[in-house]
Every structure is written in structure tokens, then in C-alpha cells.
C-alpha atoms as a PDB file:
ATOM      1  CA  UNK A   1      90.794  75.967 103.338  1.00  0.00           C
ATOM      2  CA  UNK A   2      93.165  77.253 106.036  1.00  0.00           C
ATOM      3  CA  UNK A   3      94.930  80.480 105.153  1.00  0.00           C
ATOM      4  CA  UNK A   4      98.686  79.808 105.084  1.00  0.00           C
ATOM      5  CA  UNK A   5     101.127  82.385 106.448  1.00  0.00           C
ATOM      6  CA  UNK A   6      99.854  85.805 107.443  1.00  0.00           C
ATOM      7  CA  UNK A   7      96.099  86.343 107.226  1.00  0.00           C
ATOM      8  CA  UNK A   8      94.914  87.617 103.865  1.00  0.00           C
ATOM      9  CA  UNK A   9      92.739  90.703 104.191  1.00  0.00           C
ATOM     10  CA  UNK A  10      90.172  92.727 102.330  1.00  0.00           C
ATOM     11  CA  UNK A  11      89.807  96.339 103.457  1.00  0.00           C
ATOM     12  CA  UNK A  12      87.046  98.648 102.321  1.00  0.00           C
ATOM     13  CA  UNK A  13      87.899 102.343 102.471  1.00  0.00           C
ATOM     14  CA  UNK A  14      86.358 105.173 104.485  1.00  0.00           C
ATOM     15  CA  UNK A  15      85.481 108.345 102.612  1.00  0.00           C
ATOM     16  CA  UNK A  16      83.460 111.555 102.963  1.00  0.00           C
ATOM     17  CA  UNK A  17      80.911 112.679 100.375  1.00  0.00           C
ATOM     18  CA  UNK A  18      78.081 115.191  99.977  1.00  0.00           C
ATOM     19  CA  UNK A  19      74.513 115.039  98.624  1.00  0.00           C
ATOM     20  CA  UNK A  20      74.134 115.649  94.882  1.00  0.00           C
ATOM     21  CA  UNK A  21      77.721 114.523  94.430  1.00  0.00           C
ATOM     22  CA  UNK A  22      79.660 111.334  93.941  1.00  0.00           C
ATOM     23  CA  UNK A  23      81.534 108.917  96.159  1.00  0.00           C
ATOM     24  CA  UNK A  24      84.540 106.897  95.050  1.00  0.00           C
ATOM     25  CA  UNK A  25      85.131 104.075  97.497  1.00  0.00           C
ATOM     26  CA  UNK A  26      88.493 102.262  97.316  1.00  0.00           C
ATOM     27  CA  UNK A  27      88.816  98.574  98.158  1.00  0.00           C
ATOM     28  CA  UNK A  28      92.221  97.115  99.096  1.00  0.00           C
ATOM     29  CA  UNK A  29      93.478  93.558  99.471  1.00  0.00           C
ATOM     30  CA  UNK A  30      96.507  91.724 100.838  1.00  0.00           C
ATOM     31  CA  UNK A  31      97.624  88.206  99.951  1.00  0.00           C
ATOM     32  CA  UNK A  32     100.860  86.346 100.667  1.00  0.00           C
ATOM     33  CA  UNK A  33     100.291  83.546  98.173  1.00  0.00           C
ATOM     34  CA  UNK A  34      99.550  83.383  94.460  1.00  0.00           C
ATOM     35  CA  UNK A  35      95.847  83.683  93.645  1.00  0.00           C
ATOM     36  CA  UNK A  36      93.823  82.511  90.689  1.00  0.00           C
ATOM     37  CA  UNK A  37      90.908  84.828  91.481  1.00  0.00           C
ATOM     38  CA  UNK A  38      89.476  87.303  93.945  1.00  0.00           C
ATOM     39  CA  UNK A  39      85.762  87.572  94.694  1.00  0.00           C
ATOM     40  CA  UNK A  40      84.231  90.253  96.886  1.00  0.00           C
ATOM     41  CA  UNK A  41      80.627  90.312  98.033  1.00  0.00           C
ATOM     42  CA  UNK A  42      79.519  93.457  99.831  1.00  0.00           C
ATOM     43  CA  UNK A  43      76.354  95.269 100.724  1.00  0.00           C
ATOM     44  CA  UNK A  44      75.492  98.962 100.786  1.00  0.00           C
ATOM     45  CA  UNK A  45      72.452 101.191 101.299  1.00  0.00           C
ATOM     46  CA  UNK A  46      70.984 101.144  97.801  1.00  0.00           C
ATOM     47  CA  UNK A  47      68.163 103.489  98.813  1.00  0.00           C
ATOM     48  CA  UNK A  48      70.668 106.292  99.404  1.00  0.00           C
ATOM     49  CA  UNK A  49      73.660 105.234  97.277  1.00  0.00           C
ATOM     50  CA  UNK A  50      73.414 104.432  93.567  1.00  0.00           C
ATOM     51  CA  UNK A  51      76.110 102.196  92.144  1.00  0.00           C
ATOM     52  CA  UNK A  52      77.475 103.661  88.911  1.00  0.00           C
ATOM     53  CA  UNK A  53      80.514 101.562  88.041  1.00  0.00           C
ATOM     54  CA  UNK A  54      83.596  99.732  89.263  1.00  0.00           C
ATOM     55  CA  UNK A  55      87.114 100.301  87.976  1.00  0.00           C
ATOM     56  CA  UNK A  56      90.353  98.367  88.429  1.00  0.00           C
ATOM     57  CA  UNK A  57      92.430 101.082  86.713  1.00  0.00           C
ATOM     58  CA  UNK A  58      95.588 101.793  88.702  1.00  0.00           C
ATOM     59  CA  UNK A  59      95.037  98.745  90.888  1.00  0.00           C
ATOM     60  CA  UNK A  60      97.072  95.579  91.446  1.00  0.00           C
ATOM     61  CA  UNK A  61      94.791  93.741  89.013  1.00  0.00           C
ATOM     62  CA  UNK A  62      94.523  96.344  86.264  1.00  0.00           C
ATOM     63  CA  UNK A  63      96.411  93.975  83.945  1.00  0.00           C
ATOM     64  CA  UNK A  64      93.437  91.581  83.931  1.00  0.00           C
ATOM     65  CA  UNK A  65      91.232  91.881  80.857  1.00  0.00           C
ATOM     66  CA  UNK A  66      88.077  93.760  81.958  1.00  0.00           C
ATOM     67  CA  UNK A  67      85.984  91.471  79.776  1.00  0.00           C
ATOM     68  CA  UNK A  68      86.864  88.606  82.142  1.00  0.00           C
ATOM     69  CA  UNK A  69      85.601  90.472  85.208  1.00  0.00           C
ATOM     70  CA  UNK A  70      82.055  89.650  86.291  1.00  0.00           C
ATOM     71  CA  UNK A  71      79.933  92.114  88.257  1.00  0.00           C
ATOM     72  CA  UNK A  72      76.491  91.378  89.678  1.00  0.00           C
ATOM     73  CA  UNK A  73      74.495  94.062  91.490  1.00  0.00           C
ATOM     74  CA  UNK A  74      71.052  93.687  93.004  1.00  0.00           C
ATOM     75  CA  UNK A  75      69.268  95.701  95.706  1.00  0.00           C
ATOM     76  CA  UNK A  76      72.367  96.752  97.589  1.00  0.00           C
ATOM     77  CA  UNK A  77      74.281  93.504  97.065  1.00  0.00           C
ATOM     78  CA  UNK A  78      77.400  93.585  94.933  1.00  0.00           C
ATOM     79  CA  UNK A  79      79.378  90.560  93.735  1.00  0.00           C
ATOM     80  CA  UNK A  80      82.646  91.247  91.925  1.00  0.00           C
ATOM     81  CA  UNK A  81      84.687  88.320  90.552  1.00  0.00           C
ATOM     82  CA  UNK A  82      88.174  89.038  89.200  1.00  0.00           C
ATOM     83  CA  UNK A  83      89.918  85.935  87.769  1.00  0.00           C
ATOM     84  CA  UNK A  84      93.416  85.634  86.331  1.00  0.00           C
ATOM     85  CA  UNK A  85      93.091  83.152  83.456  1.00  0.00           C
ATOM     86  CA  UNK A  86      96.643  83.700  82.190  1.00  0.00           C
ATOM     87  CA  UNK A  87      98.877  83.331  85.250  1.00  0.00           C
ATOM     88  CA  UNK A  88      98.244  84.182  88.915  1.00  0.00           C
ATOM     89  CA  UNK A  89      97.635  87.339  90.904  1.00  0.00           C
ATOM     90  CA  UNK A  90     100.990  87.935  92.631  1.00  0.00           C
ATOM     91  CA  UNK A  91     101.542  88.349  96.337  1.00  0.00           C
ATOM     92  CA  UNK A  92     101.229  91.887  97.572  1.00  0.00           C
ATOM     93  CA  UNK A  93      99.218  94.628  99.196  1.00  0.00           C
ATOM     94  CA  UNK A  94      97.330  97.467  97.545  1.00  0.00           C
ATOM     95  CA  UNK A  95      94.307  98.622  95.623  1.00  0.00           C
ATOM     96  CA  UNK A  96      91.854  96.069  94.253  1.00  0.00           C
ATOM     97  CA  UNK A  97      89.212  98.334  92.739  1.00  0.00           C
ATOM     98  CA  UNK A  98      87.332 101.604  93.080  1.00  0.00           C
ATOM     99  CA  UNK A  99      83.553 101.583  93.441  1.00  0.00           C
ATOM    100  CA  UNK A 100      81.759 104.646  92.076  1.00  0.00           C
ATOM    101  CA  UNK A 101      78.501 105.754  93.681  1.00  0.00           C
ATOM    102  CA  UNK A 102      76.331 108.767  92.980  1.00  0.00           C
ATOM    103  CA  UNK A 103      74.163 110.551  95.539  1.00  0.00           C
ATOM    104  CA  UNK A 104      71.005 112.555  95.003  1.00  0.00           C
ATOM    105  CA  UNK A 105      70.320 115.950  96.521  1.00  0.00           C
ATOM    106  CA  UNK A 106      67.897 114.179  98.886  1.00  0.00           C
ATOM    107  CA  UNK A 107      70.453 111.710 100.234  1.00  0.00           C
ATOM    108  CA  UNK A 108      70.275 111.862 104.002  1.00  0.00           C
ATOM    109  CA  UNK A 109      73.287 112.915 106.028  1.00  0.00           C
ATOM    110  CA  UNK A 110      74.870 110.203 108.115  1.00  0.00           C
ATOM    111  CA  UNK A 111      77.292 107.305 108.067  1.00  0.00           C
ATOM    112  CA  UNK A 112      76.659 104.527 105.569  1.00  0.00           C
ATOM    113  CA  UNK A 113      78.397 101.238 106.284  1.00  0.00           C
ATOM    114  CA  UNK A 114      79.818  99.186 103.430  1.00  0.00           C
ATOM    115  CA  UNK A 115      80.657  95.680 104.550  1.00  0.00           C
ATOM    116  CA  UNK A 116      81.111  92.126 103.351  1.00  0.00           C
ATOM    117  CA  UNK A 117      78.157  89.761 103.346  1.00  0.00           C
ATOM    118  CA  UNK A 118      77.111  86.326 102.142  1.00  0.00           C
ATOM    119  CA  UNK A 119      74.800  86.627  99.144  1.00  0.00           C
ATOM    120  CA  UNK A 120      71.733  84.418  99.711  1.00  0.00           C
ATOM    121  CA  UNK A 121      71.933  81.892  96.884  1.00  0.00           C
ATOM    122  CA  UNK A 122      70.683  78.316  96.483  1.00  0.00           C
ATOM    123  CA  UNK A 123      72.876  75.651  98.033  1.00  0.00           C
ATOM    124  CA  UNK A 124      75.487  74.489  97.020  1.00  0.00           C
ATOM    125  CA  UNK A 125      76.348  77.837  95.415  1.00  0.00           C
ATOM    126  CA  UNK A 126      77.885  80.226  97.916  1.00  0.00           C
ATOM    127  CA  UNK A 127      78.666  83.827  97.080  1.00  0.00           C
ATOM    128  CA  UNK A 128      80.914  85.403  99.684  1.00  0.00           C
ATOM    129  CA  UNK A 129      84.192  87.258  99.820  1.00  0.00           C
ATOM    130  CA  UNK A 130      86.976  84.803  99.125  1.00  0.00           C
ATOM    131  CA  UNK A 131      90.368  84.494  97.467  1.00  0.00           C
ATOM    132  CA  UNK A 132      91.117  81.442  95.300  1.00  0.00           C
ATOM    133  CA  UNK A 133      94.575  79.894  95.545  1.00  0.00           C
ATOM    134  CA  UNK A 134      96.501  78.321  92.662  1.00  0.00           C
ATOM    135  CA  UNK A 135      94.307  75.203  92.790  1.00  0.00           C
ATOM    136  CA  UNK A 136      91.114  77.301  93.029  1.00  0.00           C
ATOM    137  CA  UNK A 137      90.536  76.387  96.675  1.00  0.00           C
ATOM    138  CA  UNK A 138      88.916  79.255  98.601  1.00  0.00           C
ATOM    139  CA  UNK A 139      90.722  81.281 101.244  1.00  0.00           C
ATOM    140  CA  UNK A 140      88.456  83.475 103.323  1.00  0.00           C
ATOM    141  CA  UNK A 141      90.240  86.721 104.174  1.00  0.00           C
ATOM    142  CA  UNK A 142      89.828  88.906 107.197  1.00  0.00           C
ATOM    143  CA  UNK A 143      87.411  91.735 106.421  1.00  0.00           C
ATOM    144  CA  UNK A 144      87.748  95.376 107.409  1.00  0.00           C
ATOM    145  CA  UNK A 145      84.475  97.166 106.727  1.00  0.00           C
ATOM    146  CA  UNK A 146      84.307 100.644 105.259  1.00  0.00           C
ATOM    147  CA  UNK A 147      81.923 103.561 105.147  1.00  0.00           C
ATOM    148  CA  UNK A 148      80.701 106.582 103.250  1.00  0.00           C
ATOM    149  CA  UNK A 149      80.118 109.552 105.553  1.00  0.00           C
ATOM    150  CA  UNK A 150      77.871 112.472 104.711  1.00  0.00           C
ATOM    151  CA  UNK A 151      78.759 114.911 107.499  1.00  0.00           C
ATOM    152  CA  UNK A 152      76.637 117.775 108.643  1.00  0.00           C
ATOM    153  CA  UNK A 153      77.654 121.000 106.914  1.00  0.00           C
ATOM    154  CA  UNK A 154      75.181 123.111 108.897  1.00  0.00           C
ATOM    155  CA  UNK A 155      76.520 126.675 109.070  1.00  0.00           C
ATOM    156  CA  UNK A 156      79.596 125.808 107.020  1.00  0.00           C
ATOM    157  CA  UNK A 157      78.557 127.746 103.925  1.00  0.00           C
ATOM    158  CA  UNK A 158      82.080 127.908 102.520  1.00  0.00           C
ATOM    159  CA  UNK A 159      82.546 124.125 102.916  1.00  0.00           C
ATOM    160  CA  UNK A 160      86.011 124.452 104.442  1.00  0.00           C
ATOM    161  CA  UNK A 161      85.129 122.241 107.445  1.00  0.00           C
ATOM    162  CA  UNK A 162      85.091 125.131 109.905  1.00  0.00           C
ATOM    163  CA  UNK A 163      82.490 127.698 110.915  1.00  0.00           C
ATOM    164  CA  UNK A 164      83.971 131.184 111.186  1.00  0.00           C
ATOM    165  CA  UNK A 165      83.530 134.812 110.143  1.00  0.00           C
ATOM    166  CA  UNK A 166      83.902 133.826 106.483  1.00  0.00           C
ATOM    167  CA  UNK A 167      80.657 131.875 106.687  1.00  0.00           C
ATOM    168  CA  UNK A 168      78.868 134.851 108.216  1.00  0.00           C
ATOM    169  CA  UNK A 169      80.164 137.140 105.468  1.00  0.00           C
ATOM    170  CA  UNK A 170      79.146 134.588 102.846  1.00  0.00           C
ATOM    171  CA  UNK A 171      75.664 134.435 104.403  1.00  0.00           C
ATOM    172  CA  UNK A 172      75.244 138.239 104.417  1.00  0.00           C
ATOM    173  CA  UNK A 173      76.407 138.525 100.808  1.00  0.00           C
ATOM    174  CA  UNK A 174      74.089 135.726  99.765  1.00  0.00           C
ATOM    175  CA  UNK A 175      70.992 137.133 101.460  1.00  0.00           C
ATOM    176  CA  UNK A 176      71.442 140.867 101.027  1.00  0.00           C
ATOM    177  CA  UNK A 177      74.057 141.604  98.343  1.00  0.00           C
ATOM    178  CA  UNK A 178      73.205 139.193  95.528  1.00  0.00           C
ATOM    179  CA  UNK A 179      76.223 137.092  96.428  1.00  0.00           C
ATOM    180  CA  UNK A 180      76.927 133.525  95.407  1.00  0.00           C
ATOM    181  CA  UNK A 181      74.420 130.854  96.305  1.00  0.00           C
ATOM    182  CA  UNK A 182      75.530 128.312  98.911  1.00  0.00           C
ATOM    183  CA  UNK A 183      76.205 124.845  97.548  1.00  0.00           C
ATOM    184  CA  UNK A 184      73.731 123.388 100.056  1.00  0.00           C
ATOM    185  CA  UNK A 185      71.000 125.857 100.921  1.00  0.00           C
ATOM    186  CA  UNK A 186      69.946 123.667 103.834  1.00  0.00           C
ATOM    187  CA  UNK A 187      73.199 124.637 105.542  1.00  0.00           C
ATOM    188  CA  UNK A 188      71.810 128.160 106.024  1.00  0.00           C
ATOM    189  CA  UNK A 189      68.876 127.234 108.263  1.00  0.00           C
ATOM    190  CA  UNK A 190      71.058 127.168 111.359  1.00  0.00           C
ATOM    191  CA  UNK A 191      68.210 127.857 113.808  1.00  0.00           C
ATOM    192  CA  UNK A 192      66.136 124.989 112.305  1.00  0.00           C
ATOM    193  CA  UNK A 193      62.909 126.949 111.776  1.00  0.00           C
ATOM    194  CA  UNK A 194      62.539 126.049 108.075  1.00  0.00           C
ATOM    195  CA  UNK A 195      63.285 129.628 107.067  1.00  0.00           C
ATOM    196  CA  UNK A 196      66.456 131.345 105.905  1.00  0.00           C
ATOM    197  CA  UNK A 197      66.596 134.946 107.077  1.00  0.00           C
ATOM    198  CA  UNK A 198      68.363 137.488 109.297  1.00  0.00           C
ATOM    199  CA  UNK A 199      67.613 135.362 112.358  1.00  0.00           C
ATOM    200  CA  UNK A 200      69.981 132.692 111.046  1.00  0.00           C
ATOM    201  CA  UNK A 201      72.759 135.252 110.676  1.00  0.00           C
ATOM    202  CA  UNK A 202      72.170 136.483 114.214  1.00  0.00           C
ATOM    203  CA  UNK A 203      72.212 132.855 115.388  1.00  0.00           C
ATOM    204  CA  UNK A 204      75.591 132.273 113.749  1.00  0.00           C
ATOM    205  CA  UNK A 205      77.029 135.488 115.210  1.00  0.00           C
ATOM    206  CA  UNK A 206      75.871 134.509 118.692  1.00  0.00           C
ATOM    207  CA  UNK A 207      77.337 131.030 118.272  1.00  0.00           C
ATOM    208  CA  UNK A 208      80.730 132.328 117.224  1.00  0.00           C
ATOM    209  CA  UNK A 209      81.087 135.375 119.441  1.00  0.00           C
ATOM    210  CA  UNK A 210      78.561 135.215 122.302  1.00  0.00           C
ATOM    211  CA  UNK A 211      78.625 131.580 123.476  1.00  0.00           C
ATOM    212  CA  UNK A 212      75.381 130.833 121.642  1.00  0.00           C
ATOM    213  CA  UNK A 213      74.056 127.407 120.767  1.00  0.00           C
ATOM    214  CA  UNK A 214      75.693 125.533 117.869  1.00  0.00           C
ATOM    215  CA  UNK A 215      73.971 125.438 114.474  1.00  0.00           C
ATOM    216  CA  UNK A 216      71.391 122.740 114.001  1.00  0.00           C
ATOM    217  CA  UNK A 217      69.874 122.357 110.531  1.00  0.00           C
ATOM    218  CA  UNK A 218      66.861 120.292 109.555  1.00  0.00           C
ATOM    219  CA  UNK A 219      68.177 118.007 106.830  1.00  0.00           C
END
């Protein structure tokens, strides 16, 4: 069905996360007509990201009984169907749901795309991102893909998104003064020789104060 008025949209958020942590990915939607249901079908890297749960709390559809919401998840494919059996989802713009992922300590650094996809199902069943109007006819919204980024924290022992003297002090305390352990020990191997020792501290000092090479960890 043609989308009347302004194009409806589904926008998947962009967030930053770290190994051995969690990632909460927001999904937003815009519609300028009443809807009887919203269905989103997305894919993600299930080898690196583990889907824990989905929540509509605080969203535009939090009033919908959770028992009516259907979630299917299989090998990196996620199908979420949110129907309004009582009235209609009003026009508006805002949060649809939050998707909760967990990451292992071995999750590789990088950028993980989260995008819409058509779920391969037998014809005539089609599972794809769509909004249903008042008569249950599908409207296919414009899709804005999202991502979960696991940035390199090499040399950033204090995890404040900058490498400075505080990281060097943290490193010295950790190695030689029984100081706190770094959250990610891999961030200490700044000269990528698979060892963490005084040479890494010297490497960091040279990088910051003597025009040395930037840190490069083996992740």
C-alpha cells in the first residue's frame, strides 16, 4: 500500500559498548496515520551479540499489553510484532522499544550493523518491517539502520576516551605498586608483543611526549 502523507520511518539507534558488558539498542518509529500494529524484522551478528530481551517500557507503545507482543528470534534474525487490539497506535514520533544484548569478554572490537531484513519464510507468508494501518493493510516505512560499536580502548586504561598522563600513572601503579587492575587488560599491550611490561609504559610515554607511534593492541 502507498504510504500517505510524510514517509513513515523506522530508525535503529547507534550506540557504543564494550566486551563483557551489555548493549541497549533503542529503536524509534514515526507514523502520521493511525496504526493497528507495528512489525520490525532485523538482523544482527548473533555470533558476537547475544539477545537477552526486548522492552517497550517508556516507549510510545508501553500501554500495549506485553502478553500481546510476539517475539521470534533465530540465528541473528529478530521479528517483533506489536499489535494494538483495543484501539490504534496514535500518530507520533519516538521510542518503539529497547533491545538488550550482552557481550562476552571475547567479543571482537569493531562496528556491528543492525539493519532491517526480510525473514526467509514460505510464500505467501512474508516477514518484513511494516506498519499496519487501520484496515491492517501494510505500509512499508523508510529504514535507517543502526549499529553497535566496540571501539578500540588500546592505551586508554582509565576508559575516559583519551590517552594522557593519567593512563601512564594508572599503568605504573598497576604493574609496580599493586594498583587497581585495568578493566580490559588487553588495553595494556600497547606495543602489540603479547606481553605487558615496562616496554609498554615506555611506548606510551614516547607516544604522548616524544612523537612516538600510537598504541596498537592485539585484540
